[in-house]
Amino acid sequence: MYAALWHILPGPVWVRILILVVLAAVILAVLAFWVFPWIDDLTAPVQDVTVDQ
């Protein structure tokens, strides 16, 4: 799969590396700002623990 992605990308090696670094940064930003908060909202009731005395 990675070899296929590498061959699809245009340009010389340094351009391909730059494209992959930018793509990885975009994926991490999407995960950090949209996916992880959405998952946190789904699991928040499980984390809210109260103990009655």
PDB file of N, CA and C in Angstrom:
ATOM      1  N   MET A   1       0.823  -1.188   0.000  1.00  0.00           N
ATOM      2  CA  MET A   1       0.000   0.000   0.000  1.00  0.00           C
ATOM      3  C   MET A   1       0.873   1.260   0.000  1.00  0.00           C
ATOM      4  N   TYR A   2       1.914   1.261   0.837  1.00  0.00           N
ATOM      5  CA  TYR A   2       2.777   2.433   0.898  1.00  0.00           C
ATOM      6  C   TYR A   2       3.547   2.629  -0.401  1.00  0.00           C
ATOM      7  N   ALA A   3       3.922   1.531  -1.023  1.00  0.00           N
ATOM      8  CA  ALA A   3       4.632   1.632  -2.299  1.00  0.00           C
ATOM      9  C   ALA A   3       3.721   2.214  -3.367  1.00  0.00           C
ATOM     10  N   ALA A   4       2.454   1.816  -3.361  1.00  0.00           N
ATOM     11  CA  ALA A   4       1.502   2.355  -4.329  1.00  0.00           C
ATOM     12  C   ALA A   4       1.303   3.851  -4.107  1.00  0.00           C
ATOM     13  N   LEU A   5       1.204   4.256  -2.839  1.00  0.00           N
ATOM     14  CA  LEU A   5       1.067   5.684  -2.525  1.00  0.00           C
ATOM     15  C   LEU A   5       2.303   6.445  -2.972  1.00  0.00           C
ATOM     16  N   TRP A   6       3.462   5.869  -2.744  1.00  0.00           N
ATOM     17  CA  TRP A   6       4.720   6.526  -3.121  1.00  0.00           C
ATOM     18  C   TRP A   6       4.796   6.723  -4.628  1.00  0.00           C
ATOM     19  N   HIS A   7       4.328   5.751  -5.397  1.00  0.00           N
ATOM     20  CA  HIS A   7       4.399   5.841  -6.861  1.00  0.00           C
ATOM     21  C   HIS A   7       3.327   6.777  -7.437  1.00  0.00           C
ATOM     22  N   ILE A   8       2.241   6.976  -6.717  1.00  0.00           N
ATOM     23  CA  ILE A   8       1.174   7.862  -7.186  1.00  0.00           C
ATOM     24  C   ILE A   8       1.577   9.332  -7.039  1.00  0.00           C
ATOM     25  N   LEU A   9       2.344   9.638  -5.991  1.00  0.00           N
ATOM     26  CA  LEU A   9       2.700  11.032  -5.724  1.00  0.00           C
ATOM     27  C   LEU A   9       3.613  11.585  -6.820  1.00  0.00           C
ATOM     28  N   PRO A  10       3.370  12.847  -7.205  1.00  0.00           N
ATOM     29  CA  PRO A  10       4.181  13.448  -8.268  1.00  0.00           C
ATOM     30  C   PRO A  10       5.484  14.042  -7.732  1.00  0.00           C
ATOM     31  N   GLY A  11       6.413  14.266  -8.616  1.00  0.00           N
ATOM     32  CA  GLY A  11       7.618  15.016  -8.295  1.00  0.00           C
ATOM     33  C   GLY A  11       8.771  14.161  -7.820  1.00  0.00           C
ATOM     34  N   PRO A  12       9.871  14.863  -7.537  1.00  0.00           N
ATOM     35  CA  PRO A  12      11.058  14.167  -7.029  1.00  0.00           C
ATOM     36  C   PRO A  12      10.855  13.729  -5.570  1.00  0.00           C
ATOM     37  N   VAL A  13      11.852  13.081  -5.033  1.00  0.00           N
ATOM     38  CA  VAL A  13      11.740  12.495  -3.694  1.00  0.00           C
ATOM     39  C   VAL A  13      11.438  13.550  -2.634  1.00  0.00           C
ATOM     40  N   TRP A  14      12.100  14.700  -2.689  1.00  0.00           N
ATOM     41  CA  TRP A  14      11.882  15.708  -1.652  1.00  0.00           C
ATOM     42  C   TRP A  14      10.466  16.263  -1.696  1.00  0.00           C
ATOM     43  N   VAL A  15       9.860  16.345  -2.874  1.00  0.00           N
ATOM     44  CA  VAL A  15       8.474  16.818  -2.982  1.00  0.00           C
ATOM     45  C   VAL A  15       7.530  15.767  -2.423  1.00  0.00           C
ATOM     46  N   ARG A  16       7.802  14.507  -2.697  1.00  0.00           N
ATOM     47  CA  ARG A  16       6.967  13.431  -2.162  1.00  0.00           C
ATOM     48  C   ARG A  16       7.016  13.404  -0.641  1.00  0.00           C
ATOM     49  N   ILE A  17       8.212  13.592  -0.083  1.00  0.00           N
ATOM     50  CA  ILE A  17       8.346  13.619   1.373  1.00  0.00           C
ATOM     51  C   ILE A  17       7.584  14.804   1.950  1.00  0.00           C
ATOM     52  N   LEU A  18       7.682  15.957   1.322  1.00  0.00           N
ATOM     53  CA  LEU A  18       6.961  17.145   1.775  1.00  0.00           C
ATOM     54  C   LEU A  18       5.454  16.916   1.730  1.00  0.00           C
ATOM     55  N   ILE A  19       4.957  16.329   0.669  1.00  0.00           N
ATOM     56  CA  ILE A  19       3.528  16.035   0.550  1.00  0.00           C
ATOM     57  C   ILE A  19       3.087  15.082   1.657  1.00  0.00           C
ATOM     58  N   LEU A  20       3.876  14.052   1.935  1.00  0.00           N
ATOM     59  CA  LEU A  20       3.522  13.095   2.974  1.00  0.00           C
ATOM     60  C   LEU A  20       3.550  13.722   4.367  1.00  0.00           C
ATOM     61  N   VAL A  21       4.492  14.629   4.618  1.00  0.00           N
ATOM     62  CA  VAL A  21       4.547  15.308   5.912  1.00  0.00           C
ATOM     63  C   VAL A  21       3.325  16.210   6.089  1.00  0.00           C
ATOM     64  N   VAL A  22       2.959  16.948   5.057  1.00  0.00           N
ATOM     65  CA  VAL A  22       1.773  17.806   5.129  1.00  0.00           C
ATOM     66  C   VAL A  22       0.522  16.959   5.296  1.00  0.00           C
ATOM     67  N   LEU A  23       0.423  15.856   4.578  1.00  0.00           N
ATOM     68  CA  LEU A  23      -0.723  14.964   4.696  1.00  0.00           C
ATOM     69  C   LEU A  23      -0.828  14.389   6.103  1.00  0.00           C
ATOM     70  N   ALA A  24       0.294  13.986   6.686  1.00  0.00           N
ATOM     71  CA  ALA A  24       0.284  13.468   8.054  1.00  0.00           C
ATOM     72  C   ALA A  24      -0.141  14.545   9.043  1.00  0.00           C
ATOM     73  N   ALA A  25       0.306  15.785   8.855  1.00  0.00           N
ATOM     74  CA  ALA A  25      -0.079  16.883   9.739  1.00  0.00           C
ATOM     75  C   ALA A  25      -1.576  17.159   9.643  1.00  0.00           C
ATOM     76  N   VAL A  26      -2.127  17.109   8.443  1.00  0.00           N
ATOM     77  CA  VAL A  26      -3.567  17.326   8.266  1.00  0.00           C
ATOM     78  C   VAL A  26      -4.361  16.214   8.940  1.00  0.00           C
ATOM     79  N   ILE A  27      -3.916  14.979   8.780  1.00  0.00           N
ATOM     80  CA  ILE A  27      -4.618  13.857   9.412  1.00  0.00           C
ATOM     81  C   ILE A  27      -4.576  13.986  10.937  1.00  0.00           C
ATOM     82  N   LEU A  28      -3.428  14.342  11.494  1.00  0.00           N
ATOM     83  CA  LEU A  28      -3.323  14.528  12.940  1.00  0.00           C
ATOM     84  C   LEU A  28      -4.190  15.685  13.431  1.00  0.00           C
ATOM     85  N   ALA A  29      -4.266  16.765  12.666  1.00  0.00           N
ATOM     86  CA  ALA A  29      -5.105  17.900  13.058  1.00  0.00           C
ATOM     87  C   ALA A  29      -6.581  17.512  13.045  1.00  0.00           C
ATOM     88  N   VAL A  30      -7.001  16.781  12.028  1.00  0.00           N
ATOM     89  CA  VAL A  30      -8.398  16.329  11.974  1.00  0.00           C
ATOM     90  C   VAL A  30      -8.710  15.425  13.154  1.00  0.00           C
ATOM     91  N   LEU A  31      -7.800  14.528  13.482  1.00  0.00           N
ATOM     92  CA  LEU A  31      -8.018  13.660  14.630  1.00  0.00           C
ATOM     93  C   LEU A  31      -8.100  14.462  15.926  1.00  0.00           C
ATOM     94  N   ALA A  32      -7.189  15.415  16.109  1.00  0.00           N
ATOM     95  CA  ALA A  32      -7.124  16.166  17.362  1.00  0.00           C
ATOM     96  C   ALA A  32      -8.303  17.113  17.544  1.00  0.00           C
ATOM     97  N   PHE A  33      -8.792  17.717  16.467  1.00  0.00           N
ATOM     98  CA  PHE A  33      -9.826  18.744  16.604  1.00  0.00           C
ATOM     99  C   PHE A  33     -11.240  18.245  16.397  1.00  0.00           C
ATOM    100  N   TRP A  34     -11.437  17.127  15.679  1.00  0.00           N
ATOM    101  CA  TRP A  34     -12.795  16.658  15.412  1.00  0.00           C
ATOM    102  C   TRP A  34     -13.066  15.248  15.907  1.00  0.00           C
ATOM    103  N   VAL A  35     -12.193  14.323  15.621  1.00  0.00           N
ATOM    104  CA  VAL A  35     -12.472  12.918  15.947  1.00  0.00           C
ATOM    105  C   VAL A  35     -12.348  12.663  17.441  1.00  0.00           C
ATOM    106  N   PHE A  36     -11.236  13.044  18.063  1.00  0.00           N
ATOM    107  CA  PHE A  36     -11.040  12.768  19.478  1.00  0.00           C
ATOM    108  C   PHE A  36     -12.067  13.485  20.360  1.00  0.00           C
ATOM    109  N   PRO A  37     -12.406  14.765  20.113  1.00  0.00           N
ATOM    110  CA  PRO A  37     -13.472  15.377  20.922  1.00  0.00           C
ATOM    111  C   PRO A  37     -14.824  14.679  20.739  1.00  0.00           C
ATOM    112  N   TRP A  38     -15.128  14.214  19.541  1.00  0.00           N
ATOM    113  CA  TRP A  38     -16.381  13.501  19.306  1.00  0.00           C
ATOM    114  C   TRP A  38     -16.409  12.198  20.113  1.00  0.00           C
ATOM    115  N   ILE A  39     -15.287  11.485  20.113  1.00  0.00           N
ATOM    116  CA  ILE A  39     -15.207  10.244  20.890  1.00  0.00           C
ATOM    117  C   ILE A  39     -15.292  10.547  22.382  1.00  0.00           C
ATOM    118  N   ASP A  40     -14.691  11.641  22.818  1.00  0.00           N
ATOM    119  CA  ASP A  40     -14.750  12.023  24.223  1.00  0.00           C
ATOM    120  C   ASP A  40     -16.178  12.310  24.649  1.00  0.00           C
ATOM    121  N   ASP A  41     -16.963  12.951  23.796  1.00  0.00           N
ATOM    122  CA  ASP A  41     -18.365  13.205  24.117  1.00  0.00           C
ATOM    123  C   ASP A  41     -19.147  11.901  24.243  1.00  0.00           C
ATOM    124  N   LEU A  42     -18.798  10.918  23.458  1.00  0.00           N
ATOM    125  CA  LEU A  42     -19.490   9.633  23.532  1.00  0.00           C
ATOM    126  C   LEU A  42     -19.130   8.867  24.796  1.00  0.00           C
ATOM    127  N   THR A  43     -17.925   9.014  25.274  1.00  0.00           N
ATOM    128  CA  THR A  43     -17.478   8.269  26.443  1.00  0.00           C
ATOM    129  C   THR A  43     -17.564   9.076  27.729  1.00  0.00           C
ATOM    130  N   ALA A  44     -17.982  10.326  27.676  1.00  0.00           N
ATOM    131  CA  ALA A  44     -18.018  11.183  28.859  1.00  0.00           C
ATOM    132  C   ALA A  44     -18.925  10.628  29.955  1.00  0.00           C
ATOM    133  N   PRO A  45     -20.109  10.107  29.660  1.00  0.00           N
ATOM    134  CA  PRO A  45     -20.936   9.580  30.755  1.00  0.00           C
ATOM    135  C   PRO A  45     -20.273   8.419  31.498  1.00  0.00           C
ATOM    136  N   VAL A  46     -19.456   7.663  30.830  1.00  0.00           N
ATOM    137  CA  VAL A  46     -18.783   6.556  31.490  1.00  0.00           C
ATOM    138  C   VAL A  46     -17.713   7.074  32.436  1.00  0.00           C
ATOM    139  N   GLN A  47     -17.121   8.212  32.134  1.00  0.00           N
ATOM    140  CA  GLN A  47     -16.055   8.761  32.968  1.00  0.00           C
ATOM    141  C   GLN A  47     -16.587   9.560  34.147  1.00  0.00           C
ATOM    142  N   ASP A  48     -17.841   9.968  34.134  1.00  0.00           N
ATOM    143  CA  ASP A  48     -18.413  10.746  35.229  1.00  0.00           C
ATOM    144  C   ASP A  48     -18.836   9.803  36.347  1.00  0.00           C
ATOM    145  N   VAL A  49     -17.957   9.620  37.305  1.00  0.00           N
ATOM    146  CA  VAL A  49     -18.220   8.700  38.420  1.00  0.00           C
ATOM    147  C   VAL A  49     -18.405   9.511  39.685  1.00  0.00           C
ATOM    148  N   THR A  50     -19.477   9.235  40.388  1.00  0.00           N
ATOM    149  CA  THR A  50     -19.718   9.875  41.685  1.00  0.00           C
ATOM    150  C   THR A  50     -19.902   8.782  42.725  1.00  0.00           C
ATOM    151  N   VAL A  51     -19.438   9.071  43.911  1.00  0.00           N
ATOM    152  CA  VAL A  51     -19.572   8.115  45.010  1.00  0.00           C
ATOM    153  C   VAL A  51     -20.409   8.768  46.090  1.00  0.00           C
ATOM    154  N   ASP A  52     -21.506   8.120  46.457  1.00  0.00           N
ATOM    155  CA  ASP A  52     -22.356   8.642  47.528  1.00  0.00           C
ATOM    156  C   ASP A  52     -21.880   8.096  48.864  1.00  0.00           C
ATOM    157  N   GLN A  53     -21.896   8.975  49.863  1.00  0.00           N
ATOM    158  CA  GLN A  53     -21.483   8.524  51.191  1.00  0.00           C
ATOM    159  C   GLN A  53     -22.641   8.561  52.146  1.00  0.00           C
TER     160      GLN A  53
END
